[in-house]
Structures are given as C-alpha cells and as structure tokens.
Amino acid sequence: MVKQRPSGRSTTDDASADAQTFRAAVRDVTPLAQTPLAAGLAKPKPRPRLRRSAAPVTENLDEAMPLVGDPASNEATSADAVTGEGALSFQRAGVRLQVMRRLRRGLYPIDAELDLHGLSQSVARDQLADFIAARREGGCRCLRIIHGKGYRSGARGPVLKMAVNLWLRRHLDVMAFVSARAIDGGAGAVYVLLRA
C-alpha cells in the first residue's frame, strides 16, 4: 500500500515556518564573549607514539632465531614435528579467539609478503628478521610469509617450514600466525599478525 502525503502544506513551507519559529525563539539571545588564550599558553602538541621493537634488530640472530637441526640449540631439534601438509598455528597469551578466527579466514588485509622459496636457512632467517623489523617500523599489521611445503627436502622433511615455525614463535613482535587459506598458499604459507 502506498502512503500519500496530506495535500496541505509542502515541505518547503514547513522548512520556512520552522526557520521563522527558530529565529523568533532565539531573537533575544546574546552570544558568549570569546576569552583569548592566556599569553604563553598554547595548546600542547600531542606526542607521537614511539614504536619500539620488542626485540633488537638481529644483534645476536643465532640466539634469537636458531637454525633448525643446529646441535647447539635444544629447542631447534625438539621443534614440533611438522609435515608438508600440516597446518601451523600459534598465538601468544592475550590474543583472543576471535582474532585467531579472523586471521585463519584471511579477513585481515595483507600489508606485505615475503617469499622464502629456495633459500638456505641462514639466508631465509636473515631476510625474515629484516623483513619483520622493517614492516613493524612501517606500521604493517598483517604479513604473509611463503615458506613452501618442503616437497624437495626429501627425508629431512620441510626444513624451512619447521624453521619458520620456530623463528616466528620466538620473535617477540609476532602476536600470532596461522597457515594461509588454500588460495594464498595453503600449508606452504602463513599469515602473521604483528604487535600493534
């Protein structure tokens, strides 16, 4: 059913009548005097937030991010068994389940991407540490790291995937990471959520 307007006054007549009523109501009002700002007192400028990296930019990279299979590191040899098709997932204390759900679904916009295919562990570690530090300083929040599934690693298993899993867990700027959706690389890539 279509409603029809009453055929009385039009909307322009209503607006002009409202304006006249308002002017009549505020006719006797006097504006408040503006008080000048006291001499020498200016509004303080807001201080910019300093973005401090939680970890130094690779001062001792061997200690912070050890190579997988390095006998000097107990944690590197006891890393969780990771297969080529196995999904990775990690979250620090305080990261809500809703954030993890959104990250897993790929709902955060990807600010930057790093491809580590075909690199040795030491080169991949250096590039990953530099990449995270630079993107964190640049204000990025969500990254995609492509590590591959390790099909060419043979009997050793996915070495680079295990290494990236270990390195991201130990990096203090990383709040959470999950394996990417199939369209973004599946088990061969991870979405990484950085500290805000």
C-alpha atoms as a PDB file:
ATOM      1  CA  MET A   1       0.000   0.000   0.000  1.00  0.00           C
ATOM      2  CA  VAL A   2       1.369   3.378  -0.964  1.00  0.00           C
ATOM      3  CA  LYS A   3       1.139   6.171   1.554  1.00  0.00           C
ATOM      4  CA  GLN A   4       0.181   9.563   0.257  1.00  0.00           C
ATOM      5  CA  ARG A   5       1.120  12.885   1.801  1.00  0.00           C
ATOM      6  CA  PRO A   6      -1.601  15.084   3.059  1.00  0.00           C
ATOM      7  CA  SER A   7      -2.374  17.643   0.434  1.00  0.00           C
ATOM      8  CA  GLY A   8      -1.938  20.513   2.902  1.00  0.00           C
ATOM      9  CA  ARG A   9       1.444  22.306   3.111  1.00  0.00           C
ATOM     10  CA  SER A  10       4.530  21.352   1.119  1.00  0.00           C
ATOM     11  CA  THR A  11       7.919  20.527   2.660  1.00  0.00           C
ATOM     12  CA  THR A  12       9.389  23.913   1.671  1.00  0.00           C
ATOM     13  CA  ASP A  13       6.578  25.671   3.524  1.00  0.00           C
ATOM     14  CA  ASP A  14       7.330  23.523   6.604  1.00  0.00           C
ATOM     15  CA  ALA A  15      11.038  24.374   6.446  1.00  0.00           C
ATOM     16  CA  SER A  16      10.449  28.127   6.163  1.00  0.00           C
ATOM     17  CA  ALA A  17       7.914  28.018   9.005  1.00  0.00           C
ATOM     18  CA  ASP A  18      10.428  26.117  11.174  1.00  0.00           C
ATOM     19  CA  ALA A  19      13.147  28.642  10.383  1.00  0.00           C
ATOM     20  CA  GLN A  20      10.883  31.553  11.313  1.00  0.00           C
ATOM     21  CA  THR A  21       9.926  29.858  14.577  1.00  0.00           C
ATOM     22  CA  PHE A  22      13.583  29.267  15.436  1.00  0.00           C
ATOM     23  CA  ARG A  23      14.570  32.899  14.695  1.00  0.00           C
ATOM     24  CA  ALA A  24      11.724  34.126  16.895  1.00  0.00           C
ATOM     25  CA  ALA A  25      12.844  31.844  19.741  1.00  0.00           C
ATOM     26  CA  VAL A  26      16.500  32.986  19.710  1.00  0.00           C
ATOM     27  CA  ARG A  27      15.889  36.673  18.985  1.00  0.00           C
ATOM     28  CA  ASP A  28      16.911  37.877  22.473  1.00  0.00           C
ATOM     29  CA  VAL A  29      19.970  35.599  22.855  1.00  0.00           C
ATOM     30  CA  THR A  30      23.388  37.287  23.023  1.00  0.00           C
ATOM     31  CA  PRO A  31      26.499  35.322  22.030  1.00  0.00           C
ATOM     32  CA  LEU A  32      29.094  34.490  24.694  1.00  0.00           C
ATOM     33  CA  ALA A  33      32.285  36.510  24.605  1.00  0.00           C
ATOM     34  CA  GLN A  34      35.333  34.546  23.451  1.00  0.00           C
ATOM     35  CA  THR A  35      38.076  34.540  26.048  1.00  0.00           C
ATOM     36  CA  PRO A  36      41.515  34.828  24.497  1.00  0.00           C
ATOM     37  CA  LEU A  37      44.105  32.183  25.306  1.00  0.00           C
ATOM     38  CA  ALA A  38      46.468  33.350  28.044  1.00  0.00           C
ATOM     39  CA  ALA A  39      49.779  34.666  26.742  1.00  0.00           C
ATOM     40  CA  GLY A  40      52.423  31.964  26.560  1.00  0.00           C
ATOM     41  CA  LEU A  41      49.911  29.142  26.925  1.00  0.00           C
ATOM     42  CA  ALA A  42      49.471  27.338  23.680  1.00  0.00           C
ATOM     43  CA  LYS A  43      47.711  24.052  23.196  1.00  0.00           C
ATOM     44  CA  PRO A  44      50.196  21.265  23.816  1.00  0.00           C
ATOM     45  CA  LYS A  45      51.061  19.255  20.743  1.00  0.00           C
ATOM     46  CA  PRO A  46      50.279  15.580  21.038  1.00  0.00           C
ATOM     47  CA  ARG A  47      53.378  13.463  21.440  1.00  0.00           C
ATOM     48  CA  PRO A  48      53.803  10.870  18.720  1.00  0.00           C
ATOM     49  CA  ARG A  49      53.681   7.264  19.828  1.00  0.00           C
ATOM     50  CA  LEU A  50      57.062   5.670  19.685  1.00  0.00           C
ATOM     51  CA  ARG A  51      57.130   2.283  18.031  1.00  0.00           C
ATOM     52  CA  ARG A  52      59.690   0.259  19.858  1.00  0.00           C
ATOM     53  CA  SER A  53      60.654  -3.083  18.535  1.00  0.00           C
ATOM     54  CA  ALA A  54      60.218  -5.663  21.263  1.00  0.00           C
ATOM     55  CA  ALA A  55      63.375  -7.419  20.129  1.00  0.00           C
ATOM     56  CA  PRO A  56      66.586  -5.807  18.888  1.00  0.00           C
ATOM     57  CA  VAL A  57      67.063  -5.973  15.145  1.00  0.00           C
ATOM     58  CA  THR A  58      69.147  -9.130  14.968  1.00  0.00           C
ATOM     59  CA  GLU A  59      72.004  -8.271  17.326  1.00  0.00           C
ATOM     60  CA  ASN A  60      72.508 -11.948  18.131  1.00  0.00           C
ATOM     61  CA  LEU A  61      70.461 -13.745  15.498  1.00  0.00           C
ATOM     62  CA  ASP A  62      71.892 -17.186  16.292  1.00  0.00           C
ATOM     63  CA  GLU A  63      70.496 -16.972  19.816  1.00  0.00           C
ATOM     64  CA  ALA A  64      67.158 -15.351  18.980  1.00  0.00           C
ATOM     65  CA  MET A  65      66.394 -17.426  15.882  1.00  0.00           C
ATOM     66  CA  PRO A  66      68.490 -20.631  15.840  1.00  0.00           C
ATOM     67  CA  LEU A  67      68.827 -22.765  12.742  1.00  0.00           C
ATOM     68  CA  VAL A  68      66.755 -25.962  12.692  1.00  0.00           C
ATOM     69  CA  GLY A  69      68.959 -29.005  13.137  1.00  0.00           C
ATOM     70  CA  ASP A  70      71.682 -26.946  14.823  1.00  0.00           C
ATOM     71  CA  PRO A  71      73.105 -29.163  17.606  1.00  0.00           C
ATOM     72  CA  ALA A  72      73.820 -26.076  19.768  1.00  0.00           C
ATOM     73  CA  SER A  73      70.070 -25.433  20.116  1.00  0.00           C
ATOM     74  CA  ASN A  74      67.928 -27.870  22.083  1.00  0.00           C
ATOM     75  CA  GLU A  75      64.736 -26.095  21.049  1.00  0.00           C
ATOM     76  CA  ALA A  76      65.599 -26.304  17.370  1.00  0.00           C
ATOM     77  CA  THR A  77      65.979 -30.089  17.486  1.00  0.00           C
ATOM     78  CA  SER A  78      62.892 -30.611  19.632  1.00  0.00           C
ATOM     79  CA  ALA A  79      60.627 -28.483  17.438  1.00  0.00           C
ATOM     80  CA  ASP A  80      57.181 -29.920  16.836  1.00  0.00           C
ATOM     81  CA  ALA A  81      57.132 -32.415  14.011  1.00  0.00           C
ATOM     82  CA  VAL A  82      55.851 -30.534  11.016  1.00  0.00           C
ATOM     83  CA  THR A  83      54.771 -32.193   7.796  1.00  0.00           C
ATOM     84  CA  GLY A  84      54.425 -30.625   4.375  1.00  0.00           C
ATOM     85  CA  GLU A  85      50.618 -30.608   4.526  1.00  0.00           C
ATOM     86  CA  GLY A  86      50.402 -29.922   8.276  1.00  0.00           C
ATOM     87  CA  ALA A  87      48.864 -26.614   9.316  1.00  0.00           C
ATOM     88  CA  LEU A  88      50.778 -24.210  11.554  1.00  0.00           C
ATOM     89  CA  SER A  89      49.126 -22.197  14.292  1.00  0.00           C
ATOM     90  CA  PHE A  90      50.412 -20.099  17.190  1.00  0.00           C
ATOM     91  CA  GLN A  91      49.022 -17.382  19.440  1.00  0.00           C
ATOM     92  CA  ARG A  92      50.546 -15.511  22.346  1.00  0.00           C
ATOM     93  CA  ALA A  93      48.731 -15.168  25.634  1.00  0.00           C
ATOM     94  CA  GLY A  94      46.154 -12.409  25.385  1.00  0.00           C
ATOM     95  CA  VAL A  95      45.294 -12.916  21.706  1.00  0.00           C
ATOM     96  CA  ARG A  96      41.553 -13.524  21.558  1.00  0.00           C
ATOM     97  CA  LEU A  97      39.974 -16.477  19.766  1.00  0.00           C
ATOM     98  CA  GLN A  98      38.005 -14.075  17.572  1.00  0.00           C
ATOM     99  CA  VAL A  99      41.269 -12.565  16.297  1.00  0.00           C
ATOM    100  CA  MET A 100      42.595 -16.045  15.508  1.00  0.00           C
ATOM    101  CA  ARG A 101      39.380 -16.941  13.716  1.00  0.00           C
ATOM    102  CA  ARG A 102      39.586 -13.791  11.573  1.00  0.00           C
ATOM    103  CA  LEU A 103      43.278 -14.424  10.851  1.00  0.00           C
ATOM    104  CA  ARG A 104      42.607 -18.044   9.859  1.00  0.00           C
ATOM    105  CA  ARG A 105      39.839 -16.921   7.487  1.00  0.00           C
ATOM    106  CA  GLY A 106      42.122 -14.366   5.852  1.00  0.00           C
ATOM    107  CA  LEU A 107      39.987 -11.391   6.874  1.00  0.00           C
ATOM    108  CA  TYR A 108      42.906  -9.112   7.768  1.00  0.00           C
ATOM    109  CA  PRO A 109      44.325  -7.215   4.783  1.00  0.00           C
ATOM    110  CA  ILE A 110      47.826  -8.390   3.880  1.00  0.00           C
ATOM    111  CA  ASP A 111      50.192  -5.418   4.172  1.00  0.00           C
ATOM    112  CA  ALA A 112      53.327  -7.134   2.826  1.00  0.00           C
ATOM    113  CA  GLU A 113      54.575 -10.509   1.597  1.00  0.00           C
ATOM    114  CA  LEU A 114      57.902 -12.355   1.741  1.00  0.00           C
ATOM    115  CA  ASP A 115      58.748 -15.429  -0.368  1.00  0.00           C
ATOM    116  CA  LEU A 116      61.461 -17.668   1.087  1.00  0.00           C
ATOM    117  CA  HIS A 117      61.298 -20.441  -1.555  1.00  0.00           C
ATOM    118  CA  GLY A 118      64.643 -21.989  -2.416  1.00  0.00           C
ATOM    119  CA  LEU A 119      66.670 -20.079   0.179  1.00  0.00           C
ATOM    120  CA  SER A 120      69.073 -21.646   2.637  1.00  0.00           C
ATOM    121  CA  GLN A 121      68.157 -21.468   6.322  1.00  0.00           C
ATOM    122  CA  SER A 122      70.679 -18.772   7.176  1.00  0.00           C
ATOM    123  CA  VAL A 123      69.673 -16.522   4.259  1.00  0.00           C
ATOM    124  CA  ALA A 124      65.965 -17.106   4.965  1.00  0.00           C
ATOM    125  CA  ARG A 125      66.460 -16.286   8.654  1.00  0.00           C
ATOM    126  CA  ASP A 126      68.281 -13.028   7.847  1.00  0.00           C
ATOM    127  CA  GLN A 127      65.630 -11.981   5.334  1.00  0.00           C
ATOM    128  CA  LEU A 128      62.791 -12.876   7.698  1.00  0.00           C
ATOM    129  CA  ALA A 129      64.279 -10.937  10.623  1.00  0.00           C
ATOM    130  CA  ASP A 130      64.958  -7.864   8.454  1.00  0.00           C
ATOM    131  CA  PHE A 131      61.520  -8.109   6.824  1.00  0.00           C
ATOM    132  CA  ILE A 132      59.626  -8.265  10.139  1.00  0.00           C
ATOM    133  CA  ALA A 133      61.660  -5.414  11.640  1.00  0.00           C
ATOM    134  CA  ALA A 134      61.162  -3.176   8.590  1.00  0.00           C
ATOM    135  CA  ARG A 135      57.425  -3.886   8.298  1.00  0.00           C
ATOM    136  CA  ARG A 136      56.892  -3.370  12.027  1.00  0.00           C
ATOM    137  CA  GLU A 137      58.603   0.028  11.825  1.00  0.00           C
ATOM    138  CA  GLY A 138      56.487   0.800   8.751  1.00  0.00           C
ATOM    139  CA  GLY A 139      53.276   0.212  10.696  1.00  0.00           C
ATOM    140  CA  CYS A 140      52.251  -3.037   8.994  1.00  0.00           C
ATOM    141  CA  ARG A 141      49.933  -5.300  10.959  1.00  0.00           C
ATOM    142  CA  CYS A 142      49.434  -8.469   8.884  1.00  0.00           C
ATOM    143  CA  LEU A 143      52.039 -10.216   6.722  1.00  0.00           C
ATOM    144  CA  ARG A 144      52.145 -13.299   4.517  1.00  0.00           C
ATOM    145  CA  ILE A 145      55.294 -15.419   4.663  1.00  0.00           C
ATOM    146  CA  ILE A 146      55.648 -18.065   1.959  1.00  0.00           C
ATOM    147  CA  HIS A 147      57.915 -20.895   3.112  1.00  0.00           C
ATOM    148  CA  GLY A 148      56.806 -23.754   0.868  1.00  0.00           C
ATOM    149  CA  LYS A 149      55.728 -27.272   1.791  1.00  0.00           C
ATOM    150  CA  GLY A 150      59.184 -28.827   1.647  1.00  0.00           C
ATOM    151  CA  TYR A 151      58.489 -31.409  -1.055  1.00  0.00           C
ATOM    152  CA  ARG A 152      62.077 -31.113  -2.377  1.00  0.00           C
ATOM    153  CA  SER A 153      63.609 -31.552   1.088  1.00  0.00           C
ATOM    154  CA  GLY A 154      63.495 -35.344   0.841  1.00  0.00           C
ATOM    155  CA  ALA A 155      63.703 -37.430   4.020  1.00  0.00           C
ATOM    156  CA  ARG A 156      64.596 -34.402   6.159  1.00  0.00           C
ATOM    157  CA  GLY A 157      61.049 -33.121   5.852  1.00  0.00           C
ATOM    158  CA  PRO A 158      60.060 -29.481   5.348  1.00  0.00           C
ATOM    159  CA  VAL A 159      63.173 -27.849   6.850  1.00  0.00           C
ATOM    160  CA  LEU A 160      62.271 -24.251   6.007  1.00  0.00           C
ATOM    161  CA  LYS A 161      58.693 -24.716   7.209  1.00  0.00           C
ATOM    162  CA  MET A 162      59.925 -26.059  10.571  1.00  0.00           C
ATOM    163  CA  ALA A 163      62.425 -23.216  10.801  1.00  0.00           C
ATOM    164  CA  VAL A 164      59.835 -20.509  10.074  1.00  0.00           C
ATOM    165  CA  ASN A 165      57.523 -22.107  12.657  1.00  0.00           C
ATOM    166  CA  LEU A 166      60.277 -21.918  15.294  1.00  0.00           C
ATOM    167  CA  TRP A 167      61.504 -18.431  14.347  1.00  0.00           C
ATOM    168  CA  LEU A 168      58.057 -16.837  14.372  1.00  0.00           C
ATOM    169  CA  ARG A 169      57.269 -18.366  17.777  1.00  0.00           C
ATOM    170  CA  ARG A 170      60.451 -16.875  19.218  1.00  0.00           C
ATOM    171  CA  HIS A 171      60.085 -13.423  17.620  1.00  0.00           C
ATOM    172  CA  LEU A 172      58.565 -11.060  20.195  1.00  0.00           C
ATOM    173  CA  ASP A 173      56.910  -8.809  17.594  1.00  0.00           C
ATOM    174  CA  VAL A 174      54.803 -11.734  16.330  1.00  0.00           C
ATOM    175  CA  MET A 175      51.493 -11.998  18.187  1.00  0.00           C
ATOM    176  CA  ALA A 176      50.008 -14.886  16.194  1.00  0.00           C
ATOM    177  CA  PHE A 177      50.321 -16.843  12.969  1.00  0.00           C
ATOM    178  CA  VAL A 178      48.274 -19.470  11.138  1.00  0.00           C
ATOM    179  CA  SER A 179      48.620 -21.382   7.897  1.00  0.00           C
ATOM    180  CA  ALA A 180      47.145 -19.478   4.981  1.00  0.00           C
ATOM    181  CA  ARG A 181      43.983 -20.294   3.057  1.00  0.00           C
ATOM    182  CA  ALA A 182      44.416 -22.512   0.001  1.00  0.00           C
ATOM    183  CA  ILE A 183      44.101 -19.541  -2.356  1.00  0.00           C
ATOM    184  CA  ASP A 184      47.026 -17.805  -0.594  1.00  0.00           C
ATOM    185  CA  GLY A 185      49.382 -20.788  -0.442  1.00  0.00           C
ATOM    186  CA  GLY A 186      47.703 -23.169   1.976  1.00  0.00           C
ATOM    187  CA  ALA A 187      50.120 -25.125   4.162  1.00  0.00           C
ATOM    188  CA  GLY A 188      53.032 -23.544   2.288  1.00  0.00           C
ATOM    189  CA  ALA A 189      52.430 -20.040   3.696  1.00  0.00           C
ATOM    190  CA  VAL A 190      51.415 -18.354   6.935  1.00  0.00           C
ATOM    191  CA  TYR A 191      49.522 -15.226   7.865  1.00  0.00           C
ATOM    192  CA  VAL A 192      51.471 -13.368  10.554  1.00  0.00           C
ATOM    193  CA  LEU A 193      49.871 -10.829  12.899  1.00  0.00           C
ATOM    194  CA  LEU A 194      52.368  -8.315  14.300  1.00  0.00           C
ATOM    195  CA  ARG A 195      52.207  -6.436  17.586  1.00  0.00           C
ATOM    196  CA  ALA A 196      50.261  -3.178  17.194  1.00  0.00           C
END
